[in-house]
C-alpha atoms as a PDB file:
ATOM      1  CA  MET A   1    -137.595-197.120 161.088  1.00  0.00           C
ATOM      2  CA  LEU A   2    -137.582-196.705 164.843  1.00  0.00           C
ATOM      3  CA  ILE A   3    -134.191-194.984 164.486  1.00  0.00           C
ATOM      4  CA  ARG A   4    -135.647-193.008 161.890  1.00  0.00           C
ATOM      5  CA  LYS A   5    -138.582-191.529 163.857  1.00  0.00           C
ATOM      6  CA  LEU A   6    -136.526-191.002 166.740  1.00  0.00           C
ATOM      7  CA  CYS A   7    -133.798-189.084 164.584  1.00  0.00           C
ATOM      8  CA  SER A   8    -136.423-186.891 163.113  1.00  0.00           C
ATOM      9  CA  LEU A   9    -138.004-186.263 166.649  1.00  0.00           C
ATOM     10  CA  CYS A  10    -134.952-185.265 168.195  1.00  0.00           C
ATOM     11  CA  LEU A  11    -134.272-183.061 165.263  1.00  0.00           C
ATOM     12  CA  VAL A  12    -137.551-181.393 165.401  1.00  0.00           C
ATOM     13  CA  GLY A  13    -137.158-181.048 169.354  1.00  0.00           C
ATOM     14  CA  GLY A  14    -133.768-179.305 168.620  1.00  0.00           C
ATOM     15  CA  PHE A  15    -135.162-176.843 166.326  1.00  0.00           C
ATOM     16  CA  ILE A  16    -138.152-176.022 168.547  1.00  0.00           C
ATOM     17  CA  LEU A  17    -135.610-175.789 171.441  1.00  0.00           C
ATOM     18  CA  ILE A  18    -133.040-173.467 169.470  1.00  0.00           C
ATOM     19  CA  SER A  19    -135.849-171.356 168.174  1.00  0.00           C
ATOM     20  CA  ALA A  20    -137.318-171.068 171.632  1.00  0.00           C
ATOM     21  CA  CYS A  21    -133.868-170.047 173.354  1.00  0.00           C
ATOM     22  CA  GLY A  22    -133.599-167.283 170.811  1.00  0.00           C
ATOM     23  CA  ALA A  23    -136.568-165.759 171.519  1.00  0.00           C
ATOM     24  CA  THR A  24    -136.529-162.232 173.418  1.00  0.00           C
ATOM     25  CA  PRO A  25    -139.469-161.711 176.135  1.00  0.00           C
ATOM     26  CA  PRO A  26    -141.653-158.580 175.190  1.00  0.00           C
ATOM     27  CA  GLU A  27    -140.284-155.457 176.164  1.00  0.00           C
ATOM     28  CA  GLU A  28    -141.951-153.538 178.764  1.00  0.00           C
ATOM     29  CA  GLU A  29    -143.177-150.382 178.035  1.00  0.00           C
ATOM     30  CA  VAL A  30    -141.234-147.728 179.923  1.00  0.00           C
ATOM     31  CA  ALA A  31    -143.186-144.476 180.966  1.00  0.00           C
ATOM     32  CA  PRO A  32    -141.365-141.438 179.790  1.00  0.00           C
ATOM     33  CA  GLU A  33    -139.613-139.405 182.602  1.00  0.00           C
ATOM     34  CA  PRO A  34    -141.144-136.239 183.351  1.00  0.00           C
ATOM     35  CA  ALA A  35    -138.875-132.955 182.515  1.00  0.00           C
ATOM     36  CA  LYS A  36    -136.739-132.135 185.181  1.00  0.00           C
ATOM     37  CA  THR A  37    -136.715-128.252 186.019  1.00  0.00           C
ATOM     38  CA  ASN A  38    -133.500-126.366 185.990  1.00  0.00           C
ATOM     39  CA  VAL A  39    -132.931-124.081 188.969  1.00  0.00           C
ATOM     40  CA  VAL A  40    -130.077-121.635 188.975  1.00  0.00           C
ATOM     41  CA  MET A  41    -129.926-119.638 192.205  1.00  0.00           C
ATOM     42  CA  ILE A  42    -127.403-116.624 191.958  1.00  0.00           C
ATOM     43  CA  ILE A  43    -126.288-115.236 195.346  1.00  0.00           C
ATOM     44  CA  VAL A  44    -124.139-112.199 195.278  1.00  0.00           C
ATOM     45  CA  ASP A  45    -122.730-110.318 198.372  1.00  0.00           C
ATOM     46  CA  ASP A  46    -123.199-106.651 197.970  1.00  0.00           C
ATOM     47  CA  LEU A  47    -125.078-106.663 194.797  1.00  0.00           C
ATOM     48  CA  ASN A  48    -126.979-103.394 194.067  1.00  0.00           C
ATOM     49  CA  ASP A  49    -129.391-102.646 191.276  1.00  0.00           C
ATOM     50  CA  TRP A  50    -126.881-101.923 188.363  1.00  0.00           C
ATOM     51  CA  VAL A  51    -127.400-105.315 186.839  1.00  0.00           C
ATOM     52  CA  GLY A  52    -129.023-104.663 183.212  1.00  0.00           C
ATOM     53  CA  ALA A  53    -132.062-106.999 184.135  1.00  0.00           C
ATOM     54  CA  MET A  54    -132.915-104.941 187.407  1.00  0.00           C
ATOM     55  CA  GLY A  55    -133.194-101.963 185.356  1.00  0.00           C
ATOM     56  CA  GLY A  56    -129.780-100.657 186.362  1.00  0.00           C
ATOM     57  CA  HIS A  57    -127.320 -98.257 185.124  1.00  0.00           C
ATOM     58  CA  PRO A  58    -127.565 -97.929 181.030  1.00  0.00           C
ATOM     59  CA  ASP A  59    -123.626 -98.356 180.678  1.00  0.00           C
ATOM     60  CA  THR A  60    -123.911-101.727 182.689  1.00  0.00           C
ATOM     61  CA  LYS A  61    -123.423-104.571 180.137  1.00  0.00           C
ATOM     62  CA  THR A  62    -124.695-107.918 181.360  1.00  0.00           C
ATOM     63  CA  PRO A  63    -126.027-110.102 178.383  1.00  0.00           C
ATOM     64  CA  ASN A  64    -125.848-113.539 180.246  1.00  0.00           C
ATOM     65  CA  MET A  65    -127.832-112.012 183.256  1.00  0.00           C
ATOM     66  CA  ASP A  66    -130.266-110.046 181.152  1.00  0.00           C
ATOM     67  CA  ARG A  67    -131.003-113.560 178.981  1.00  0.00           C
ATOM     68  CA  LEU A  68    -131.343-115.654 182.362  1.00  0.00           C
ATOM     69  CA  ALA A  69    -133.652-113.030 183.624  1.00  0.00           C
ATOM     70  CA  ASP A  70    -135.574-113.099 180.274  1.00  0.00           C
ATOM     71  CA  GLU A  71    -136.231-116.599 180.149  1.00  0.00           C
ATOM     72  CA  GLY A  72    -136.665-117.288 183.771  1.00  0.00           C
ATOM     73  CA  THR A  73    -138.180-115.975 187.137  1.00  0.00           C
ATOM     74  CA  LEU A  74    -136.778-112.796 188.658  1.00  0.00           C
ATOM     75  CA  PHE A  75    -137.296-112.038 192.268  1.00  0.00           C
ATOM     76  CA  MET A  76    -137.508-108.131 192.679  1.00  0.00           C
ATOM     77  CA  ASN A  77    -138.213-108.074 196.287  1.00  0.00           C
ATOM     78  CA  ALA A  78    -135.603-110.093 197.744  1.00  0.00           C
ATOM     79  CA  HIS A  79    -133.978-109.121 201.252  1.00  0.00           C
ATOM     80  CA  ALA A  80    -130.983-109.668 203.095  1.00  0.00           C
ATOM     81  CA  THR A  81    -131.202-111.920 206.121  1.00  0.00           C
ATOM     82  CA  ALA A  82    -128.873-109.476 208.185  1.00  0.00           C
ATOM     83  CA  ALA A  83    -127.443-106.202 207.628  1.00  0.00           C
ATOM     84  CA  LEU A  84    -124.040-107.254 207.592  1.00  0.00           C
ATOM     85  CA  CYS A  85    -122.329-109.289 204.698  1.00  0.00           C
ATOM     86  CA  GLY A  86    -120.758-111.956 207.104  1.00  0.00           C
ATOM     87  CA  PRO A  87    -123.832-113.157 209.192  1.00  0.00           C
ATOM     88  CA  SER A  88    -126.033-112.976 205.838  1.00  0.00           C
ATOM     89  CA  ARG A  89    -123.426-114.970 203.790  1.00  0.00           C
ATOM     90  CA  ALA A  90    -123.436-117.393 206.948  1.00  0.00           C
ATOM     91  CA  SER A  91    -127.020-118.020 206.961  1.00  0.00           C
ATOM     92  CA  VAL A  92    -127.253-118.846 203.134  1.00  0.00           C
ATOM     93  CA  MET A  93    -124.421-121.102 203.607  1.00  0.00           C
ATOM     94  CA  THR A  94    -126.318-123.268 206.219  1.00  0.00           C
END
């Protein structure tokens, strides 16, 4: 009789142990990451206003530049840091 109770107790305890080991902890709610802003900065040496997005020459075909300008922000009042291309380029790289 004692052996039967002991076996039953071990069997029930084993089932409880197995079911507890298989349980997964509750998942924590993860806050969604904020959308990252895409930034494309195009720097060109000796660029004139012939690019289509800047109201340039009618024969100039720049569909990708035009699409980027239409979907984003276009700075129409940009200035160079120096009158010569070498120092101006160096100031952008540093």
